[in-house]
């Protein structure tokens, strides 16, 4: 069955005497049954818990370690405007980098969320990705970053996706 058979459900007999409408229905039926099978199998999946993987043995050519990866989602809308690129770079330089001098990654994104008043807000977002040793000092540093961003830029919240084990090597 050609794609055009599925796209054009006209009841015009073709060379074999079958109508395209019948082929279209058959194709839709097959698609429907297949989607039901996949949907049912997703519902049967069990809950899975993440485990921190063991770090591979370090070799002389690589250093390997198991660290934690956090992502912080900083919305850029604020009362009276937007957090500018310059404001965000200053925040990175003065607040984030001193706490994570070994490195970080920033990704530009567009996000949306429902605020405390039930209104869906769409806004430019900066995603900060940090990979670090799992210590109390680093966890506290992340909390400080979140608190300072919320205060400085009048934010209701900062989304934190946390404690994802990350196996890294250099």
N, C-alpha and C. Protein backbone atom coordinates (compact mmCIF):
# COMPACT_ATOMS: atom_id res chain seq x y z
N UNK A 1 0.85 -1.17 0.00
CA UNK A 1 0.00 0.00 0.00
C UNK A 1 0.89 1.23 0.00
N UNK A 2 0.64 2.13 -0.90
CA UNK A 2 1.43 3.36 -1.03
C UNK A 2 0.93 4.40 -0.06
N UNK A 3 1.79 5.37 0.25
CA UNK A 3 1.41 6.47 1.13
C UNK A 3 0.24 7.23 0.56
N UNK A 4 0.20 7.38 -0.75
CA UNK A 4 -0.91 8.11 -1.38
C UNK A 4 -2.25 7.40 -1.14
N UNK A 5 -2.22 6.07 -0.98
CA UNK A 5 -3.45 5.34 -0.67
C UNK A 5 -4.00 5.76 0.69
N UNK A 6 -3.10 6.02 1.64
CA UNK A 6 -3.54 6.43 2.97
C UNK A 6 -3.98 7.89 3.00
N UNK A 7 -3.36 8.71 2.20
CA UNK A 7 -3.63 10.14 2.23
C UNK A 7 -4.92 10.48 1.49
N UNK A 8 -5.25 9.75 0.44
CA UNK A 8 -6.41 10.08 -0.40
C UNK A 8 -7.50 9.02 -0.23
N UNK A 9 -8.49 9.26 0.63
CA UNK A 9 -9.52 8.25 0.86
C UNK A 9 -10.68 8.32 -0.14
N UNK A 10 -10.46 8.78 -1.34
CA UNK A 10 -11.52 8.89 -2.34
C UNK A 10 -12.03 7.51 -2.73
N UNK A 11 -13.31 7.40 -2.96
CA UNK A 11 -13.93 6.12 -3.30
C UNK A 11 -13.87 5.88 -4.80
N UNK A 12 -12.69 5.87 -5.36
CA UNK A 12 -12.50 5.65 -6.78
C UNK A 12 -11.86 4.28 -6.94
N UNK A 13 -12.47 3.39 -7.74
CA UNK A 13 -11.87 2.05 -7.90
C UNK A 13 -10.50 2.17 -8.54
N UNK A 14 -9.58 1.33 -8.07
CA UNK A 14 -8.27 1.30 -8.70
C UNK A 14 -8.22 0.11 -9.63
N UNK A 15 -7.05 -0.21 -10.17
CA UNK A 15 -6.93 -1.24 -11.20
C UNK A 15 -7.27 -2.63 -10.68
N UNK A 16 -7.19 -2.88 -9.38
CA UNK A 16 -7.50 -4.21 -8.85
C UNK A 16 -8.96 -4.32 -8.41
N UNK A 17 -9.73 -3.24 -8.52
CA UNK A 17 -11.13 -3.29 -8.15
C UNK A 17 -11.38 -2.89 -6.70
N UNK A 18 -10.33 -2.71 -5.89
CA UNK A 18 -10.49 -2.27 -4.50
C UNK A 18 -10.57 -0.76 -4.48
N UNK A 19 -11.37 -0.24 -3.62
CA UNK A 19 -11.43 1.21 -3.53
C UNK A 19 -10.33 1.71 -2.62
N UNK A 20 -9.88 2.93 -2.88
CA UNK A 20 -8.86 3.53 -2.03
C UNK A 20 -9.42 3.78 -0.64
N UNK A 21 -10.71 4.01 -0.53
CA UNK A 21 -11.32 4.24 0.77
C UNK A 21 -11.16 3.01 1.66
N UNK A 22 -11.32 1.83 1.09
CA UNK A 22 -11.15 0.58 1.85
C UNK A 22 -9.71 0.43 2.31
N UNK A 23 -8.76 0.74 1.43
CA UNK A 23 -7.34 0.68 1.79
C UNK A 23 -7.02 1.67 2.90
N UNK A 24 -7.63 2.84 2.79
CA UNK A 24 -7.42 3.87 3.81
C UNK A 24 -7.91 3.38 5.17
N UNK A 25 -9.11 2.79 5.21
CA UNK A 25 -9.66 2.27 6.46
C UNK A 25 -8.78 1.15 7.03
N UNK A 26 -8.31 0.28 6.17
CA UNK A 26 -7.45 -0.82 6.61
C UNK A 26 -6.16 -0.27 7.23
N UNK A 27 -5.57 0.74 6.58
CA UNK A 27 -4.35 1.36 7.10
C UNK A 27 -4.59 2.01 8.45
N UNK A 28 -5.72 2.72 8.57
CA UNK A 28 -6.05 3.36 9.85
C UNK A 28 -6.29 2.32 10.94
N UNK A 29 -6.96 1.23 10.58
CA UNK A 29 -7.21 0.17 11.55
C UNK A 29 -5.92 -0.43 12.06
N UNK A 30 -4.98 -0.68 11.15
CA UNK A 30 -3.68 -1.23 11.54
C UNK A 30 -2.94 -0.25 12.45
N UNK A 31 -2.97 1.02 12.09
CA UNK A 31 -2.32 2.05 12.91
C UNK A 31 -2.95 2.11 14.30
N UNK A 32 -4.27 2.04 14.37
CA UNK A 32 -4.99 2.10 15.64
C UNK A 32 -4.62 0.91 16.53
N UNK A 33 -4.64 -0.30 15.98
CA UNK A 33 -4.30 -1.51 16.75
C UNK A 33 -2.86 -1.43 17.25
N UNK A 34 -1.94 -1.00 16.39
CA UNK A 34 -0.54 -0.88 16.78
C UNK A 34 -0.37 0.12 17.91
N UNK A 35 -1.05 1.26 17.81
CA UNK A 35 -0.92 2.26 18.87
C UNK A 35 -1.50 1.76 20.18
N UNK A 36 -2.58 0.96 20.13
CA UNK A 36 -3.14 0.38 21.36
C UNK A 36 -2.14 -0.58 22.00
N UNK A 37 -1.49 -1.37 21.19
CA UNK A 37 -0.49 -2.31 21.72
C UNK A 37 0.63 -1.57 22.43
N UNK A 38 1.15 -0.50 21.79
CA UNK A 38 2.23 0.27 22.41
C UNK A 38 1.75 1.00 23.66
N UNK A 39 0.55 1.55 23.61
CA UNK A 39 0.02 2.26 24.78
C UNK A 39 -0.15 1.31 25.95
N UNK A 40 -0.66 0.13 25.70
CA UNK A 40 -0.83 -0.86 26.76
C UNK A 40 0.49 -1.29 27.37
N UNK A 41 1.53 -1.41 26.54
CA UNK A 41 2.82 -1.86 27.07
C UNK A 41 3.47 -0.78 27.91
N UNK A 42 3.22 0.50 27.62
CA UNK A 42 3.78 1.58 28.44
C UNK A 42 3.15 1.57 29.82
N UNK A 43 1.84 1.34 29.88
CA UNK A 43 1.15 1.31 31.16
C UNK A 43 1.58 0.16 32.05
N UNK A 44 2.12 -0.91 31.46
CA UNK A 44 2.53 -2.07 32.23
C UNK A 44 3.95 -1.95 32.78
N UNK A 45 4.67 -0.89 32.44
CA UNK A 45 6.04 -0.74 32.92
C UNK A 45 6.05 -0.53 34.42
N UNK A 46 7.04 -1.09 35.08
CA UNK A 46 7.18 -0.92 36.52
C UNK A 46 8.02 0.30 36.80
N UNK A 47 7.88 0.80 38.00
CA UNK A 47 8.68 1.95 38.43
C UNK A 47 10.13 1.53 38.55
N UNK A 48 11.02 2.39 38.08
CA UNK A 48 12.44 2.09 38.09
C UNK A 48 13.15 3.12 38.97
N UNK A 49 14.06 2.67 39.79
CA UNK A 49 14.82 3.57 40.64
C UNK A 49 16.24 3.67 40.12
N UNK A 50 16.75 4.88 40.10
CA UNK A 50 18.12 5.10 39.64
C UNK A 50 19.09 4.71 40.74
N UNK A 51 20.20 4.17 40.33
CA UNK A 51 21.27 3.84 41.26
C UNK A 51 22.51 4.58 40.82
N UNK A 52 23.30 4.98 41.77
CA UNK A 52 24.55 5.64 41.44
C UNK A 52 25.50 4.59 40.90
N UNK A 53 25.97 4.74 39.65
CA UNK A 53 26.86 3.74 39.08
C UNK A 53 28.23 3.81 39.72
N UNK A 54 28.90 2.68 39.70
CA UNK A 54 30.27 2.66 40.19
C UNK A 54 31.17 3.27 39.14
N UNK A 55 32.15 3.99 39.59
CA UNK A 55 33.10 4.61 38.67
C UNK A 55 34.01 3.52 38.10
N UNK A 56 34.32 3.58 36.81
CA UNK A 56 35.25 2.61 36.25
C UNK A 56 36.65 2.86 36.79
N UNK A 57 37.45 1.84 36.74
CA UNK A 57 38.83 1.98 37.20
C UNK A 57 39.55 3.01 36.35
N UNK A 58 40.22 3.92 37.01
CA UNK A 58 40.95 4.97 36.28
C UNK A 58 42.20 4.37 35.66
N UNK A 59 42.48 4.82 34.45
CA UNK A 59 43.69 4.39 33.79
C UNK A 59 44.64 5.56 33.74
N UNK A 60 45.84 5.30 33.30
CA UNK A 60 46.81 6.39 33.23
C UNK A 60 46.41 7.44 32.20
N UNK A 61 45.58 7.07 31.20
CA UNK A 61 45.20 8.04 30.16
C UNK A 61 43.92 8.81 30.48
N UNK A 62 43.11 8.32 31.44
CA UNK A 62 41.87 9.02 31.78
C UNK A 62 41.69 9.08 33.29
N UNK A 63 40.98 10.13 33.71
CA UNK A 63 40.52 10.21 35.09
C UNK A 63 39.02 9.99 35.02
N UNK A 64 38.49 9.07 35.81
CA UNK A 64 37.06 8.83 35.78
C UNK A 64 36.51 8.97 37.19
N UNK A 65 35.31 9.50 37.28
CA UNK A 65 34.68 9.66 38.58
C UNK A 65 33.18 9.67 38.40
N UNK A 66 32.47 9.32 39.47
CA UNK A 66 31.02 9.43 39.48
C UNK A 66 30.67 10.67 40.28
N UNK A 67 30.00 11.59 39.63
CA UNK A 67 29.65 12.87 40.23
C UNK A 67 28.13 13.04 40.16
N UNK A 68 27.65 14.17 40.60
CA UNK A 68 26.22 14.50 40.54
C UNK A 68 26.03 15.61 39.51
N UNK A 69 24.94 15.50 38.74
CA UNK A 69 24.59 16.55 37.77
C UNK A 69 23.30 17.21 38.20
N UNK A 70 23.33 18.53 38.30
CA UNK A 70 22.13 19.32 38.59
C UNK A 70 21.88 20.26 37.42
N UNK A 71 20.60 20.52 37.18
CA UNK A 71 20.19 21.52 36.20
C UNK A 71 19.33 22.55 36.92
N UNK A 72 19.66 23.81 36.74
CA UNK A 72 18.87 24.90 37.30
C UNK A 72 18.26 25.68 36.15
N UNK A 73 16.95 25.90 36.22
CA UNK A 73 16.21 26.60 35.17
C UNK A 73 15.86 28.00 35.68
N UNK A 74 16.52 29.00 35.10
CA UNK A 74 16.33 30.39 35.50
C UNK A 74 15.43 31.10 34.50
N UNK A 75 14.20 31.41 34.92
CA UNK A 75 13.32 32.20 34.07
C UNK A 75 13.85 33.62 33.98
N UNK A 76 13.66 34.26 32.82
CA UNK A 76 14.23 35.59 32.62
C UNK A 76 13.19 36.71 32.66
N UNK A 77 11.90 36.36 32.71
CA UNK A 77 10.88 37.40 32.86
C UNK A 77 10.88 37.86 34.31
N UNK A 78 10.67 39.15 34.48
CA UNK A 78 10.56 39.69 35.83
C UNK A 78 9.67 40.92 35.79
N UNK A 79 9.21 41.36 36.95
CA UNK A 79 8.35 42.55 36.95
C UNK A 79 9.06 43.73 36.28
N UNK A 80 8.41 44.31 35.31
CA UNK A 80 8.97 45.47 34.64
C UNK A 80 9.92 45.15 33.51
N UNK A 81 10.04 43.89 33.12
CA UNK A 81 10.93 43.59 31.99
C UNK A 81 11.49 42.19 32.01
N UNK A 82 12.77 42.13 31.68
CA UNK A 82 13.44 40.83 31.50
C UNK A 82 14.86 40.91 32.05
N UNK A 83 15.36 39.80 32.55
CA UNK A 83 16.76 39.72 32.96
C UNK A 83 17.59 39.77 31.67
N UNK A 84 18.42 40.78 31.54
CA UNK A 84 19.20 40.95 30.30
C UNK A 84 20.36 39.95 30.26
N UNK A 85 20.93 39.80 29.07
CA UNK A 85 22.12 38.95 28.92
C UNK A 85 23.24 39.45 29.81
N UNK A 86 23.43 40.76 29.85
CA UNK A 86 24.49 41.34 30.68
C UNK A 86 24.24 41.07 32.17
N UNK A 87 22.99 41.23 32.61
CA UNK A 87 22.65 40.94 34.01
C UNK A 87 22.94 39.49 34.35
N UNK A 88 22.59 38.58 33.42
CA UNK A 88 22.81 37.16 33.69
C UNK A 88 24.30 36.84 33.72
N UNK A 89 25.07 37.41 32.78
CA UNK A 89 26.54 37.18 32.78
C UNK A 89 27.16 37.69 34.08
N UNK A 90 26.69 38.84 34.57
CA UNK A 90 27.20 39.37 35.84
C UNK A 90 26.85 38.41 36.98
N UNK A 91 25.64 37.89 36.98
CA UNK A 91 25.23 36.92 37.99
C UNK A 91 26.13 35.67 37.94
N UNK A 92 26.40 35.17 36.74
CA UNK A 92 27.30 34.02 36.61
C UNK A 92 28.68 34.33 37.18
N UNK A 93 29.20 35.48 36.80
CA UNK A 93 30.57 35.86 37.21
C UNK A 93 30.68 36.08 38.72
N UNK A 94 29.66 36.70 39.33
CA UNK A 94 29.79 37.09 40.74
C UNK A 94 29.19 36.08 41.72
N UNK A 95 28.22 35.28 41.27
CA UNK A 95 27.55 34.36 42.20
C UNK A 95 27.86 32.90 41.90
N UNK A 96 27.77 32.49 40.63
CA UNK A 96 27.89 31.06 40.29
C UNK A 96 29.36 30.63 40.19
N UNK A 97 30.14 31.33 39.40
CA UNK A 97 31.53 30.90 39.16
C UNK A 97 32.37 30.81 40.43
N UNK A 98 32.25 31.72 41.39
CA UNK A 98 33.03 31.55 42.62
C UNK A 98 32.68 30.25 43.38
N UNK A 99 31.46 29.76 43.23
CA UNK A 99 31.03 28.53 43.92
C UNK A 99 31.34 27.28 43.11
N UNK A 100 31.45 27.42 41.79
CA UNK A 100 31.75 26.30 40.91
C UNK A 100 32.84 26.71 39.91
N UNK A 101 34.05 26.94 40.40
CA UNK A 101 35.12 27.44 39.52
C UNK A 101 35.65 26.40 38.52
N UNK A 102 35.34 25.12 38.75
CA UNK A 102 35.86 24.08 37.85
C UNK A 102 35.12 24.02 36.52
N UNK A 103 33.96 24.66 36.43
CA UNK A 103 33.26 24.68 35.15
C UNK A 103 31.76 24.54 35.29
N UNK A 104 31.08 24.95 34.25
CA UNK A 104 29.63 24.91 34.18
C UNK A 104 29.21 25.06 32.73
N UNK A 105 27.94 24.81 32.46
CA UNK A 105 27.40 24.99 31.12
C UNK A 105 26.09 25.77 31.23
N UNK A 106 25.88 26.71 30.31
CA UNK A 106 24.64 27.48 30.25
C UNK A 106 24.02 27.26 28.87
N UNK A 107 22.73 26.96 28.86
CA UNK A 107 21.98 26.72 27.63
C UNK A 107 20.81 27.69 27.58
N UNK A 108 20.61 28.34 26.44
CA UNK A 108 19.44 29.20 26.23
C UNK A 108 18.25 28.33 25.85
N UNK A 109 17.08 28.63 26.41
CA UNK A 109 15.89 27.85 26.13
C UNK A 109 14.66 28.75 26.22
N UNK A 110 13.53 28.20 25.80
CA UNK A 110 12.23 28.82 25.98
C UNK A 110 11.44 27.86 26.87
N UNK A 111 10.86 28.38 27.93
CA UNK A 111 10.13 27.52 28.86
C UNK A 111 8.75 28.06 29.15
N UNK A 112 7.98 27.25 29.85
CA UNK A 112 6.68 27.71 30.32
C UNK A 112 6.36 27.00 31.62
N UNK A 113 5.56 27.67 32.45
CA UNK A 113 5.15 27.10 33.72
C UNK A 113 3.85 27.77 34.14
N UNK A 114 3.19 27.17 35.12
CA UNK A 114 1.98 27.77 35.67
C UNK A 114 2.37 28.42 36.99
N UNK A 115 2.13 29.73 37.11
CA UNK A 115 2.52 30.44 38.32
C UNK A 115 1.53 30.18 39.45
N UNK A 116 1.79 30.79 40.60
CA UNK A 116 0.97 30.56 41.79
C UNK A 116 -0.47 31.05 41.62
N UNK A 117 -0.71 31.91 40.63
CA UNK A 117 -2.06 32.40 40.36
C UNK A 117 -2.78 31.56 39.31
N UNK A 118 -2.12 30.49 38.83
CA UNK A 118 -2.73 29.61 37.84
C UNK A 118 -2.59 30.07 36.41
N UNK A 119 -1.76 31.07 36.17
CA UNK A 119 -1.57 31.62 34.82
C UNK A 119 -0.35 30.94 34.18
N UNK A 120 -0.49 30.49 32.94
CA UNK A 120 0.64 29.90 32.23
C UNK A 120 1.53 31.01 31.71
N UNK A 121 2.78 30.94 32.08
CA UNK A 121 3.78 31.94 31.70
C UNK A 121 4.78 31.29 30.74
N UNK A 122 5.03 31.94 29.61
CA UNK A 122 6.06 31.50 28.66
C UNK A 122 7.17 32.55 28.70
N UNK A 123 8.41 32.06 28.77
CA UNK A 123 9.51 33.01 28.91
C UNK A 123 10.83 32.42 28.44
N UNK A 124 11.75 33.33 28.13
CA UNK A 124 13.12 32.92 27.86
C UNK A 124 13.69 32.36 29.15
N UNK A 125 14.55 31.36 29.03
CA UNK A 125 15.10 30.65 30.18
C UNK A 125 16.58 30.40 29.97
N UNK A 126 17.33 30.40 31.04
CA UNK A 126 18.72 29.97 31.03
C UNK A 126 18.78 28.68 31.84
N UNK A 127 19.35 27.63 31.26
CA UNK A 127 19.54 26.37 31.97
C UNK A 127 21.01 26.29 32.35
N UNK A 128 21.26 26.18 33.64
CA UNK A 128 22.63 26.05 34.16
C UNK A 128 22.85 24.59 34.52
N UNK A 129 23.85 23.97 33.92
CA UNK A 129 24.18 22.57 34.19
C UNK A 129 25.47 22.54 35.00
N UNK A 130 25.39 21.90 36.16
CA UNK A 130 26.54 21.78 37.04
C UNK A 130 26.82 20.30 37.29
N UNK A 131 28.08 19.91 37.23
CA UNK A 131 28.50 18.55 37.56
C UNK A 131 29.53 18.70 38.66
N UNK A 132 29.30 18.02 39.78
CA UNK A 132 30.12 18.30 40.97
C UNK A 132 30.18 17.08 41.88
N UNK A 133 31.18 17.06 42.77
CA UNK A 133 31.24 15.99 43.78
C UNK A 133 30.09 16.19 44.78
N UNK A 134 29.48 15.12 45.20
CA UNK A 134 28.32 15.19 46.08
C UNK A 134 28.75 15.49 47.52
N UNK A 135 28.91 16.78 47.81
CA UNK A 135 29.30 17.21 49.15
C UNK A 135 28.26 18.19 49.69
N UNK A 136 28.22 18.30 51.00
CA UNK A 136 27.30 19.26 51.63
C UNK A 136 27.62 20.68 51.18
N UNK A 137 28.89 20.99 51.03
CA UNK A 137 29.32 22.34 50.62
C UNK A 137 28.76 22.69 49.24
N UNK A 138 28.83 21.76 48.29
CA UNK A 138 28.32 22.04 46.94
C UNK A 138 26.80 22.11 46.93
N UNK A 139 26.12 21.25 47.69
CA UNK A 139 24.65 21.32 47.76
C UNK A 139 24.21 22.66 48.34
N UNK A 140 24.93 23.13 49.36
CA UNK A 140 24.62 24.42 49.97
C UNK A 140 24.88 25.56 48.97
N UNK A 141 25.95 25.43 48.18
CA UNK A 141 26.27 26.44 47.17
C UNK A 141 25.14 26.58 46.16
N UNK A 142 24.53 25.46 45.77
CA UNK A 142 23.42 25.51 44.82
C UNK A 142 22.22 26.21 45.44
N UNK A 143 21.93 25.93 46.69
CA UNK A 143 20.83 26.61 47.37
C UNK A 143 21.07 28.11 47.44
N UNK A 144 22.32 28.52 47.68
CA UNK A 144 22.66 29.95 47.71
C UNK A 144 22.44 30.60 46.35
N UNK A 145 22.85 29.91 45.30
CA UNK A 145 22.66 30.43 43.93
C UNK A 145 21.18 30.65 43.66
N UNK A 146 20.35 29.67 43.99
CA UNK A 146 18.91 29.78 43.77
C UNK A 146 18.34 30.96 44.56
N UNK A 147 18.70 31.04 45.84
CA UNK A 147 18.17 32.14 46.69
C UNK A 147 18.58 33.50 46.16
N UNK A 148 19.82 33.65 45.75
CA UNK A 148 20.29 34.94 45.25
C UNK A 148 19.62 35.33 43.94
N UNK A 149 19.41 34.35 43.05
CA UNK A 149 18.74 34.65 41.78
C UNK A 149 17.30 35.10 42.04
N UNK A 150 16.59 34.37 42.89
CA UNK A 150 15.20 34.73 43.20
C UNK A 150 15.12 36.13 43.78
N UNK A 151 16.02 36.46 44.69
CA UNK A 151 15.99 37.77 45.33
C UNK A 151 16.39 38.87 44.34
N UNK A 152 17.52 38.67 43.65
CA UNK A 152 18.04 39.72 42.76
C UNK A 152 17.10 40.03 41.61
N UNK A 153 16.46 38.99 41.04
CA UNK A 153 15.65 39.19 39.84
C UNK A 153 14.14 39.01 40.10
N UNK A 154 13.75 39.07 41.38
CA UNK A 154 12.34 39.03 41.78
C UNK A 154 11.60 37.84 41.17
N UNK A 155 12.17 36.65 41.37
CA UNK A 155 11.59 35.42 40.82
C UNK A 155 10.78 34.68 41.88
N UNK A 156 9.70 34.06 41.43
CA UNK A 156 8.87 33.25 42.30
C UNK A 156 9.58 31.93 42.63
N UNK A 157 10.32 31.39 41.65
CA UNK A 157 10.99 30.11 41.86
C UNK A 157 12.10 29.92 40.83
N UNK A 158 12.94 28.94 41.11
CA UNK A 158 13.94 28.44 40.17
C UNK A 158 13.78 26.93 40.18
N UNK A 159 13.56 26.32 39.01
CA UNK A 159 13.41 24.88 38.93
C UNK A 159 14.77 24.22 39.07
N UNK A 160 14.83 23.19 39.91
CA UNK A 160 16.08 22.43 40.10
C UNK A 160 15.80 20.96 39.83
N UNK A 161 16.52 20.40 38.85
CA UNK A 161 16.50 18.97 38.59
C UNK A 161 17.81 18.47 39.18
N UNK A 162 17.73 17.62 40.18
CA UNK A 162 18.90 17.36 40.99
C UNK A 162 19.24 15.88 41.14
N UNK A 163 20.44 15.68 41.58
CA UNK A 163 20.94 14.36 41.99
C UNK A 163 20.91 13.31 40.89
N UNK A 164 21.21 13.71 39.67
CA UNK A 164 21.34 12.73 38.60
C UNK A 164 22.79 12.25 38.61
N UNK A 165 23.04 10.97 38.86
CA UNK A 165 24.43 10.49 38.83
C UNK A 165 25.02 10.70 37.43
N UNK A 166 26.25 11.15 37.39
CA UNK A 166 26.93 11.39 36.11
C UNK A 166 28.29 10.73 36.16
N UNK A 167 28.55 9.83 35.26
CA UNK A 167 29.87 9.21 35.16
C UNK A 167 30.64 10.04 34.14
N UNK A 168 31.72 10.62 34.57
CA UNK A 168 32.49 11.50 33.70
C UNK A 168 33.94 11.04 33.63
N UNK A 169 34.57 11.38 32.53
CA UNK A 169 36.01 11.12 32.39
C UNK A 169 36.62 12.23 31.54
N UNK A 170 37.88 12.49 31.76
CA UNK A 170 38.59 13.53 31.04
C UNK A 170 39.79 12.93 30.35
